[in-house]
C-alpha atoms as a PDB file:
ATOM      1  CA  UNK A   1       0.000   0.000   0.000  1.00  0.00           C
ATOM      2  CA  UNK A   2       2.904   2.407   0.670  1.00  0.00           C
ATOM      3  CA  UNK A   3       4.061   2.002  -2.918  1.00  0.00           C
ATOM      4  CA  UNK A   4       0.542   2.724  -4.152  1.00  0.00           C
ATOM      5  CA  UNK A   5       0.279   5.811  -1.958  1.00  0.00           C
ATOM      6  CA  UNK A   6       3.610   7.075  -3.318  1.00  0.00           C
ATOM      7  CA  UNK A   7       2.269   6.575  -6.821  1.00  0.00           C
ATOM      8  CA  UNK A   8      -0.822   8.534  -5.870  1.00  0.00           C
ATOM      9  CA  UNK A   9       1.260  11.431  -4.568  1.00  0.00           C
ATOM     10  CA  UNK A  10       3.134  11.501  -7.871  1.00  0.00           C
ATOM     11  CA  UNK A  11      -0.191  11.572  -9.747  1.00  0.00           C
ATOM     12  CA  UNK A  12      -1.474  14.373  -7.572  1.00  0.00           C
ATOM     13  CA  UNK A  13       1.682  16.413  -8.183  1.00  0.00           C
ATOM     14  CA  UNK A  14       1.219  16.006 -11.938  1.00  0.00           C
ATOM     15  CA  UNK A  15      -2.422  17.030 -11.689  1.00  0.00           C
ATOM     16  CA  UNK A  16      -1.467  20.034  -9.567  1.00  0.00           C
ATOM     17  CA  UNK A  17       0.648  21.330 -12.435  1.00  0.00           C
ATOM     18  CA  UNK A  18      -2.347  20.978 -14.745  1.00  0.00           C
ATOM     19  CA  UNK A  19      -4.856  22.663 -12.426  1.00  0.00           C
ATOM     20  CA  UNK A  20      -2.435  25.585 -12.121  1.00  0.00           C
ATOM     21  CA  UNK A  21      -2.929  26.097 -15.875  1.00  0.00           C
ATOM     22  CA  UNK A  22      -6.633  25.302 -15.775  1.00  0.00           C
ATOM     23  CA  UNK A  23      -7.795  21.713 -16.236  1.00  0.00           C
ATOM     24  CA  UNK A  24     -10.807  20.095 -17.921  1.00  0.00           C
ATOM     25  CA  UNK A  25     -11.523  16.432 -17.124  1.00  0.00           C
ATOM     26  CA  UNK A  26     -13.771  14.285 -19.302  1.00  0.00           C
ATOM     27  CA  UNK A  27     -15.939  12.539 -16.690  1.00  0.00           C
ATOM     28  CA  UNK A  28     -18.127   9.674 -17.929  1.00  0.00           C
ATOM     29  CA  UNK A  29     -19.496   8.471 -14.598  1.00  0.00           C
ATOM     30  CA  UNK A  30     -17.155   5.477 -14.649  1.00  0.00           C
ATOM     31  CA  UNK A  31     -14.510   4.292 -12.220  1.00  0.00           C
ATOM     32  CA  UNK A  32     -11.353   5.546 -13.942  1.00  0.00           C
ATOM     33  CA  UNK A  33     -12.549   9.045 -14.789  1.00  0.00           C
ATOM     34  CA  UNK A  34     -14.191   9.289 -11.362  1.00  0.00           C
ATOM     35  CA  UNK A  35     -10.925   8.514  -9.607  1.00  0.00           C
ATOM     36  CA  UNK A  36      -9.082  10.961 -11.872  1.00  0.00           C
ATOM     37  CA  UNK A  37     -11.596  13.682 -11.075  1.00  0.00           C
ATOM     38  CA  UNK A  38     -11.352  13.094  -7.325  1.00  0.00           C
ATOM     39  CA  UNK A  39      -7.535  13.088  -7.433  1.00  0.00           C
ATOM     40  CA  UNK A  40      -7.527  16.298  -9.489  1.00  0.00           C
ATOM     41  CA  UNK A  41      -9.791  18.032  -6.987  1.00  0.00           C
ATOM     42  CA  UNK A  42      -7.477  16.932  -4.166  1.00  0.00           C
ATOM     43  CA  UNK A  43      -4.570  18.364  -6.178  1.00  0.00           C
ATOM     44  CA  UNK A  44      -6.424  21.619  -6.844  1.00  0.00           C
ATOM     45  CA  UNK A  45      -7.068  22.084  -3.131  1.00  0.00           C
ATOM     46  CA  UNK A  46      -3.393  21.552  -2.383  1.00  0.00           C
ATOM     47  CA  UNK A  47      -1.757  23.329  -5.323  1.00  0.00           C
ATOM     48  CA  UNK A  48      -4.463  25.776  -6.403  1.00  0.00           C
ATOM     49  CA  UNK A  49      -5.728  26.565  -9.878  1.00  0.00           C
ATOM     50  CA  UNK A  50      -8.899  25.731 -11.764  1.00  0.00           C
ATOM     51  CA  UNK A  51     -10.750  22.473 -12.433  1.00  0.00           C
ATOM     52  CA  UNK A  52     -13.829  21.776 -14.562  1.00  0.00           C
ATOM     53  CA  UNK A  53     -15.488  18.385 -15.055  1.00  0.00           C
ATOM     54  CA  UNK A  54     -17.179  17.799 -18.410  1.00  0.00           C
ATOM     55  CA  UNK A  55     -19.751  15.113 -19.129  1.00  0.00           C
ATOM     56  CA  UNK A  56     -20.937  14.630 -22.700  1.00  0.00           C
ATOM     57  CA  UNK A  57     -24.636  13.766 -22.744  1.00  0.00           C
ATOM     58  CA  UNK A  58     -25.590  11.670 -25.743  1.00  0.00           C
ATOM     59  CA  UNK A  59     -28.052   9.008 -26.870  1.00  0.00           C
ATOM     60  CA  UNK A  60     -25.364   6.381 -26.304  1.00  0.00           C
ATOM     61  CA  UNK A  61     -24.969   7.149 -22.575  1.00  0.00           C
ATOM     62  CA  UNK A  62     -26.839   4.760 -20.234  1.00  0.00           C
ATOM     63  CA  UNK A  63     -29.224   6.508 -17.880  1.00  0.00           C
ATOM     64  CA  UNK A  64     -27.651   4.890 -14.814  1.00  0.00           C
ATOM     65  CA  UNK A  65     -24.326   6.498 -15.774  1.00  0.00           C
ATOM     66  CA  UNK A  66     -26.039   9.888 -15.771  1.00  0.00           C
ATOM     67  CA  UNK A  67     -27.340   9.148 -12.282  1.00  0.00           C
ATOM     68  CA  UNK A  68     -23.842   8.089 -11.165  1.00  0.00           C
ATOM     69  CA  UNK A  69     -22.387  11.345 -12.504  1.00  0.00           C
ATOM     70  CA  UNK A  70     -24.761  13.391 -10.367  1.00  0.00           C
ATOM     71  CA  UNK A  71     -24.222  11.278  -7.233  1.00  0.00           C
ATOM     72  CA  UNK A  72     -20.443  11.369  -7.511  1.00  0.00           C
ATOM     73  CA  UNK A  73     -20.346  15.108  -8.089  1.00  0.00           C
ATOM     74  CA  UNK A  74     -22.334  15.700  -4.908  1.00  0.00           C
ATOM     75  CA  UNK A  75     -19.616  13.820  -3.033  1.00  0.00           C
ATOM     76  CA  UNK A  76     -16.611  15.466  -4.717  1.00  0.00           C
ATOM     77  CA  UNK A  77     -18.015  18.972  -5.152  1.00  0.00           C
ATOM     78  CA  UNK A  78     -16.322  19.912  -8.433  1.00  0.00           C
ATOM     79  CA  UNK A  79     -17.521  22.516 -10.935  1.00  0.00           C
ATOM     80  CA  UNK A  80     -19.274  20.489 -13.615  1.00  0.00           C
ATOM     81  CA  UNK A  81     -20.850  21.083 -17.021  1.00  0.00           C
ATOM     82  CA  UNK A  82     -23.052  18.919 -19.207  1.00  0.00           C
ATOM     83  CA  UNK A  83     -22.699  19.296 -22.965  1.00  0.00           C
ATOM     84  CA  UNK A  84     -24.764  17.566 -25.621  1.00  0.00           C
ATOM     85  CA  UNK A  85     -22.829  15.223 -27.894  1.00  0.00           C
ATOM     86  CA  UNK A  86     -24.158  14.220 -31.314  1.00  0.00           C
ATOM     87  CA  UNK A  87     -21.791  11.440 -32.398  1.00  0.00           C
ATOM     88  CA  UNK A  88     -24.799   9.221 -33.189  1.00  0.00           C
ATOM     89  CA  UNK A  89     -25.713  11.659 -35.988  1.00  0.00           C
ATOM     90  CA  UNK A  90     -22.324  11.106 -37.650  1.00  0.00           C
ATOM     91  CA  UNK A  91     -22.724   8.535 -40.477  1.00  0.00           C
ATOM     92  CA  UNK A  92     -19.169   7.305 -39.881  1.00  0.00           C
ATOM     93  CA  UNK A  93     -20.037   6.542 -36.271  1.00  0.00           C
ATOM     94  CA  UNK A  94     -23.465   5.105 -37.047  1.00  0.00           C
ATOM     95  CA  UNK A  95     -22.134   2.527 -39.505  1.00  0.00           C
ATOM     96  CA  UNK A  96     -20.608   0.840 -36.458  1.00  0.00           C
ATOM     97  CA  UNK A  97     -17.299  -0.465 -37.738  1.00  0.00           C
ATOM     98  CA  UNK A  98     -14.003  -0.906 -35.870  1.00  0.00           C
ATOM     99  CA  UNK A  99     -13.454   2.882 -35.741  1.00  0.00           C
ATOM    100  CA  UNK A 100     -16.695   3.735 -33.951  1.00  0.00           C
ATOM    101  CA  UNK A 101     -14.894   4.707 -30.734  1.00  0.00           C
ATOM    102  CA  UNK A 102     -12.503   6.903 -32.686  1.00  0.00           C
ATOM    103  CA  UNK A 103     -15.376   9.028 -33.993  1.00  0.00           C
ATOM    104  CA  UNK A 104     -16.981   9.137 -30.550  1.00  0.00           C
ATOM    105  CA  UNK A 105     -13.819  10.363 -28.817  1.00  0.00           C
ATOM    106  CA  UNK A 106     -13.139  12.831 -31.634  1.00  0.00           C
ATOM    107  CA  UNK A 107     -16.536  14.397 -30.904  1.00  0.00           C
ATOM    108  CA  UNK A 108     -15.898  14.330 -27.142  1.00  0.00           C
ATOM    109  CA  UNK A 109     -12.516  16.021 -27.397  1.00  0.00           C
ATOM    110  CA  UNK A 110     -13.870  18.667 -29.759  1.00  0.00           C
ATOM    111  CA  UNK A 111     -16.457  19.522 -27.099  1.00  0.00           C
ATOM    112  CA  UNK A 112     -13.764  19.430 -24.393  1.00  0.00           C
ATOM    113  CA  UNK A 113     -11.708  22.002 -26.310  1.00  0.00           C
ATOM    114  CA  UNK A 114     -14.736  24.294 -26.503  1.00  0.00           C
ATOM    115  CA  UNK A 115     -15.248  23.980 -22.738  1.00  0.00           C
ATOM    116  CA  UNK A 116     -11.545  24.597 -22.121  1.00  0.00           C
ATOM    117  CA  UNK A 117     -11.756  27.817 -24.129  1.00  0.00           C
ATOM    118  CA  UNK A 118     -14.926  28.841 -22.321  1.00  0.00           C
ATOM    119  CA  UNK A 119     -13.352  28.403 -18.875  1.00  0.00           C
ATOM    120  CA  UNK A 120      -9.839  29.534 -19.840  1.00  0.00           C
ATOM    121  CA  UNK A 121      -8.222  26.123 -19.229  1.00  0.00           C
ATOM    122  CA  UNK A 122      -5.092  24.957 -21.023  1.00  0.00           C
ATOM    123  CA  UNK A 123      -5.134  21.232 -20.244  1.00  0.00           C
ATOM    124  CA  UNK A 124      -7.588  18.405 -20.963  1.00  0.00           C
ATOM    125  CA  UNK A 125      -7.298  14.900 -19.502  1.00  0.00           C
ATOM    126  CA  UNK A 126      -9.298  11.681 -19.662  1.00  0.00           C
ATOM    127  CA  UNK A 127      -9.368   8.368 -17.792  1.00  0.00           C
ATOM    128  CA  UNK A 128      -7.116   6.159 -19.902  1.00  0.00           C
ATOM    129  CA  UNK A 129      -5.223   3.874 -17.504  1.00  0.00           C
ATOM    130  CA  UNK A 130      -2.204   1.575 -17.648  1.00  0.00           C
ATOM    131  CA  UNK A 131      -4.583  -1.406 -17.948  1.00  0.00           C
ATOM    132  CA  UNK A 132      -5.930   0.038 -21.196  1.00  0.00           C
ATOM    133  CA  UNK A 133      -2.538  -0.165 -22.892  1.00  0.00           C
ATOM    134  CA  UNK A 134      -3.028  -3.863 -23.647  1.00  0.00           C
ATOM    135  CA  UNK A 135      -6.249  -3.210 -25.612  1.00  0.00           C
ATOM    136  CA  UNK A 136      -6.726  -1.888 -29.134  1.00  0.00           C
ATOM    137  CA  UNK A 137      -8.427   1.444 -28.472  1.00  0.00           C
ATOM    138  CA  UNK A 138      -9.191   3.640 -31.504  1.00  0.00           C
ATOM    139  CA  UNK A 139     -10.489   6.275 -29.093  1.00  0.00           C
ATOM    140  CA  UNK A 140      -6.994   6.712 -27.718  1.00  0.00           C
ATOM    141  CA  UNK A 141      -5.800   7.561 -31.215  1.00  0.00           C
ATOM    142  CA  UNK A 142      -8.251  10.473 -31.119  1.00  0.00           C
ATOM    143  CA  UNK A 143      -6.754  11.551 -27.777  1.00  0.00           C
ATOM    144  CA  UNK A 144      -3.246  11.585 -29.231  1.00  0.00           C
ATOM    145  CA  UNK A 145      -4.402  13.546 -32.276  1.00  0.00           C
ATOM    146  CA  UNK A 146      -6.050  16.178 -30.055  1.00  0.00           C
ATOM    147  CA  UNK A 147      -3.259  16.566 -27.460  1.00  0.00           C
ATOM    148  CA  UNK A 148      -5.403  15.096 -24.686  1.00  0.00           C
ATOM    149  CA  UNK A 149      -3.415  13.968 -21.637  1.00  0.00           C
ATOM    150  CA  UNK A 150      -3.811  10.671 -19.763  1.00  0.00           C
ATOM    151  CA  UNK A 151      -2.073  10.949 -16.378  1.00  0.00           C
ATOM    152  CA  UNK A 152      -3.401   7.631 -15.020  1.00  0.00           C
ATOM    153  CA  UNK A 153      -1.484   5.700 -17.675  1.00  0.00           C
ATOM    154  CA  UNK A 154       1.544   8.015 -17.401  1.00  0.00           C
ATOM    155  CA  UNK A 155       1.710   7.196 -13.691  1.00  0.00           C
ATOM    156  CA  UNK A 156       1.144   3.461 -14.349  1.00  0.00           C
ATOM    157  CA  UNK A 157      -2.163   3.216 -12.495  1.00  0.00           C
ATOM    158  CA  UNK A 158      -3.978  -0.058 -13.170  1.00  0.00           C
ATOM    159  CA  UNK A 159      -7.720  -0.495 -12.833  1.00  0.00           C
ATOM    160  CA  UNK A 160      -7.358  -2.672  -9.729  1.00  0.00           C
ATOM    161  CA  UNK A 161      -5.152  -0.035  -8.048  1.00  0.00           C
ATOM    162  CA  UNK A 162      -7.702   2.644  -8.902  1.00  0.00           C
ATOM    163  CA  UNK A 163     -10.491   0.614  -7.308  1.00  0.00           C
ATOM    164  CA  UNK A 164      -8.340  -0.055  -4.219  1.00  0.00           C
ATOM    165  CA  UNK A 165      -7.687   3.637  -3.625  1.00  0.00           C
ATOM    166  CA  UNK A 166     -11.305   4.559  -4.244  1.00  0.00           C
ATOM    167  CA  UNK A 167     -12.451   1.947  -1.746  1.00  0.00           C
ATOM    168  CA  UNK A 168      -9.953   3.097   0.885  1.00  0.00           C
ATOM    169  CA  UNK A 169     -11.163   6.669   0.459  1.00  0.00           C
ATOM    170  CA  UNK A 170     -14.847   5.782   0.604  1.00  0.00           C
ATOM    171  CA  UNK A 171     -15.696   6.742  -2.973  1.00  0.00           C
ATOM    172  CA  UNK A 172     -18.984   5.287  -4.205  1.00  0.00           C
ATOM    173  CA  UNK A 173     -17.843   4.217  -7.655  1.00  0.00           C
ATOM    174  CA  UNK A 174     -15.151   1.822  -6.398  1.00  0.00           C
ATOM    175  CA  UNK A 175     -17.294  -1.283  -6.995  1.00  0.00           C
ATOM    176  CA  UNK A 176     -19.143  -0.125 -10.101  1.00  0.00           C
ATOM    177  CA  UNK A 177     -19.009  -2.719 -12.915  1.00  0.00           C
ATOM    178  CA  UNK A 178     -17.574  -1.674 -16.259  1.00  0.00           C
ATOM    179  CA  UNK A 179     -20.148   0.435 -18.119  1.00  0.00           C
ATOM    180  CA  UNK A 180     -19.309   1.054 -21.782  1.00  0.00           C
ATOM    181  CA  UNK A 181     -21.623   3.096 -23.981  1.00  0.00           C
ATOM    182  CA  UNK A 182     -24.907   1.706 -25.287  1.00  0.00           C
ATOM    183  CA  UNK A 183     -23.521   1.535 -28.815  1.00  0.00           C
ATOM    184  CA  UNK A 184     -21.247  -1.283 -27.668  1.00  0.00           C
ATOM    185  CA  UNK A 185     -24.422  -3.404 -27.361  1.00  0.00           C
ATOM    186  CA  UNK A 186     -25.073  -3.129 -31.108  1.00  0.00           C
ATOM    187  CA  UNK A 187     -23.215  -5.905 -32.914  1.00  0.00           C
ATOM    188  CA  UNK A 188     -20.407  -4.742 -35.178  1.00  0.00           C
ATOM    189  CA  UNK A 189     -21.709  -3.794 -38.620  1.00  0.00           C
ATOM    190  CA  UNK A 190     -25.326  -3.297 -37.505  1.00  0.00           C
ATOM    191  CA  UNK A 191     -26.343   0.310 -38.105  1.00  0.00           C
ATOM    192  CA  UNK A 192     -26.675   2.322 -34.889  1.00  0.00           C
ATOM    193  CA  UNK A 193     -29.930   4.234 -34.481  1.00  0.00           C
ATOM    194  CA  UNK A 194     -31.317   6.264 -31.623  1.00  0.00           C
ATOM    195  CA  UNK A 195     -34.279   3.883 -31.448  1.00  0.00           C
ATOM    196  CA  UNK A 196     -32.060   0.848 -30.778  1.00  0.00           C
ATOM    197  CA  UNK A 197     -30.054   2.743 -28.170  1.00  0.00           C
ATOM    198  CA  UNK A 198     -33.225   3.806 -26.377  1.00  0.00           C
ATOM    199  CA  UNK A 199     -34.564   0.241 -26.499  1.00  0.00           C
ATOM    200  CA  UNK A 200     -31.378  -1.203 -24.989  1.00  0.00           C
ATOM    201  CA  UNK A 201     -31.346   1.438 -22.267  1.00  0.00           C
ATOM    202  CA  UNK A 202     -34.998   0.745 -21.378  1.00  0.00           C
ATOM    203  CA  UNK A 203     -34.591  -3.026 -21.330  1.00  0.00           C
ATOM    204  CA  UNK A 204     -31.307  -3.003 -19.415  1.00  0.00           C
ATOM    205  CA  UNK A 205     -32.951  -0.697 -16.882  1.00  0.00           C
ATOM    206  CA  UNK A 206     -35.710  -3.296 -16.511  1.00  0.00           C
ATOM    207  CA  UNK A 207     -33.101  -5.987 -15.781  1.00  0.00           C
ATOM    208  CA  UNK A 208     -31.152  -3.762 -13.405  1.00  0.00           C
ATOM    209  CA  UNK A 209     -34.293  -2.933 -11.446  1.00  0.00           C
ATOM    210  CA  UNK A 210     -34.940  -6.674 -11.286  1.00  0.00           C
ATOM    211  CA  UNK A 211     -31.660  -7.099  -9.411  1.00  0.00           C
ATOM    212  CA  UNK A 212     -29.194  -7.986 -12.183  1.00  0.00           C
ATOM    213  CA  UNK A 213     -25.753  -6.363 -12.034  1.00  0.00           C
ATOM    214  CA  UNK A 214     -23.316  -7.938 -14.508  1.00  0.00           C
ATOM    215  CA  UNK A 215     -24.869  -8.306 -17.952  1.00  0.00           C
ATOM    216  CA  UNK A 216     -25.159  -6.957 -21.483  1.00  0.00           C
ATOM    217  CA  UNK A 217     -28.115  -6.990 -23.857  1.00  0.00           C
ATOM    218  CA  UNK A 218     -26.808  -7.290 -27.419  1.00  0.00           C
ATOM    219  CA  UNK A 219     -28.691  -6.299 -30.591  1.00  0.00           C
ATOM    220  CA  UNK A 220     -28.369  -8.575 -33.653  1.00  0.00           C
ATOM    221  CA  UNK A 221     -29.773  -8.267 -37.147  1.00  0.00           C
ATOM    222  CA  UNK A 222     -31.111 -11.172 -39.236  1.00  0.00           C
ATOM    223  CA  UNK A 223     -32.369 -10.449 -42.759  1.00  0.00           C
ATOM    224  CA  UNK A 224     -33.488  -6.969 -41.804  1.00  0.00           C
ATOM    225  CA  UNK A 225     -35.121  -8.021 -38.509  1.00  0.00           C
ATOM    226  CA  UNK A 226     -33.631  -7.603 -35.054  1.00  0.00           C
ATOM    227  CA  UNK A 227     -33.310  -9.896 -32.063  1.00  0.00           C
ATOM    228  CA  UNK A 228     -31.628  -9.599 -28.664  1.00  0.00           C
ATOM    229  CA  UNK A 229     -29.026 -11.753 -26.923  1.00  0.00           C
ATOM    230  CA  UNK A 230     -28.597 -11.491 -23.160  1.00  0.00           C
ATOM    231  CA  UNK A 231     -25.148 -12.141 -21.709  1.00  0.00           C
ATOM    232  CA  UNK A 232     -24.962 -12.336 -17.931  1.00  0.00           C
ATOM    233  CA  UNK A 233     -22.689 -13.601 -15.192  1.00  0.00           C
ATOM    234  CA  UNK A 234     -23.330 -17.338 -14.570  1.00  0.00           C
ATOM    235  CA  UNK A 235     -24.494 -16.661 -11.025  1.00  0.00           C
ATOM    236  CA  UNK A 236     -27.197 -14.321 -12.383  1.00  0.00           C
ATOM    237  CA  UNK A 237     -28.667 -16.688 -14.987  1.00  0.00           C
ATOM    238  CA  UNK A 238     -31.332 -17.941 -12.593  1.00  0.00           C
ATOM    239  CA  UNK A 239     -32.415 -14.353 -11.997  1.00  0.00           C
ATOM    240  CA  UNK A 240     -32.415 -13.733 -15.764  1.00  0.00           C
ATOM    241  CA  UNK A 241     -34.818 -16.638 -16.233  1.00  0.00           C
ATOM    242  CA  UNK A 242     -37.074 -15.233 -13.544  1.00  0.00           C
ATOM    243  CA  UNK A 243     -37.243 -11.984 -15.523  1.00  0.00           C
ATOM    244  CA  UNK A 244     -37.551 -13.629 -18.946  1.00  0.00           C
ATOM    245  CA  UNK A 245     -41.286 -13.207 -19.473  1.00  0.00           C
ATOM    246  CA  UNK A 246     -41.243  -9.488 -18.716  1.00  0.00           C
ATOM    247  CA  UNK A 247     -38.105  -8.954 -20.826  1.00  0.00           C
ATOM    248  CA  UNK A 248     -39.500 -10.897 -23.799  1.00  0.00           C
ATOM    249  CA  UNK A 249     -42.820  -9.056 -23.572  1.00  0.00           C
ATOM    250  CA  UNK A 250     -41.173  -5.636 -23.553  1.00  0.00           C
ATOM    251  CA  UNK A 251     -38.771  -6.608 -26.357  1.00  0.00           C
ATOM    252  CA  UNK A 252     -41.557  -7.835 -28.629  1.00  0.00           C
ATOM    253  CA  UNK A 253     -43.503  -4.627 -28.029  1.00  0.00           C
ATOM    254  CA  UNK A 254     -40.527  -2.873 -29.609  1.00  0.00           C
ATOM    255  CA  UNK A 255     -40.501  -5.160 -32.642  1.00  0.00           C
ATOM    256  CA  UNK A 256     -37.710  -7.596 -31.753  1.00  0.00           C
ATOM    257  CA  UNK A 257     -38.157 -11.167 -32.999  1.00  0.00           C
ATOM    258  CA  UNK A 258     -36.993 -12.859 -29.815  1.00  0.00           C
ATOM    259  CA  UNK A 259     -34.613 -12.687 -26.842  1.00  0.00           C
ATOM    260  CA  UNK A 260     -31.987 -15.385 -26.322  1.00  0.00           C
ATOM    261  CA  UNK A 261     -29.896 -16.204 -23.236  1.00  0.00           C
ATOM    262  CA  UNK A 262     -26.209 -16.783 -24.049  1.00  0.00           C
ATOM    263  CA  UNK A 263     -25.169 -19.866 -22.070  1.00  0.00           C
ATOM    264  CA  UNK A 264     -21.492 -18.874 -22.287  1.00  0.00           C
ATOM    265  CA  UNK A 265     -22.297 -15.953 -20.027  1.00  0.00           C
ATOM    266  CA  UNK A 266     -21.091 -12.369 -19.960  1.00  0.00           C
ATOM    267  CA  UNK A 267     -17.817 -11.567 -21.721  1.00  0.00           C
ATOM    268  CA  UNK A 268     -16.118  -8.278 -22.522  1.00  0.00           C
ATOM    269  CA  UNK A 269     -15.993  -7.386 -26.199  1.00  0.00           C
ATOM    270  CA  UNK A 270     -19.112  -9.441 -26.881  1.00  0.00           C
ATOM    271  CA  UNK A 271     -20.451  -6.778 -29.229  1.00  0.00           C
ATOM    272  CA  UNK A 272     -17.513  -6.780 -31.633  1.00  0.00           C
ATOM    273  CA  UNK A 273     -18.491  -9.822 -33.679  1.00  0.00           C
ATOM    274  CA  UNK A 274     -21.762 -10.836 -35.252  1.00  0.00           C
END
């Protein structure tokens, strides 16, 4: 733990240099950006300067993430702005190929630059961590192209270390499951529409209110018709079956052919192949 605390002090010193110049943080309501925001506010209090949290509100953002943004901000007490993001209206994004995240982050960082100008801030950071280095992330390419900084990765913070420090400091998001955007539920190559995103958000909310925690509801296309595939943690499959009638009823109301339960269970990246 001493080594981790030393790493945290180094992170805070780096963030203090940024807040001195004015800092905008892209805050999604997730664990990594939440920890980064909290650490930056701690740095601002110690070193001074200016800090603004930005959350991009779009059709691809799950409603529970919006709730988490508001809850976390009440705890941290940082100046915060919402800005509408319209990446779903971009045909390059909507075609849903391997560069979807690149177009999303390009839109986000364009908005972040506008906010930085508005609040006279010179630096922009986002929650890319050392654990993300092993993944192919087109969105990070957009960060590099737009001079966006990523101090968590620069200070070699892994996701498990981030959760440990958040838990020790009593931060609510420490045990939040990974929560990628709703577009990740649409299988690669299936056109993204606002209707599908709204459907997924509604139906995942139904499952979450039914007690499920670790799951994804994937949208597939078959000869111009759509069906849904539910991935969930093995220990939640019994609960999924208890909710199946309500889920199937609501899905069919929205025009989906059927809902299937994936017996392999929840897996990351399950929306990248058809």
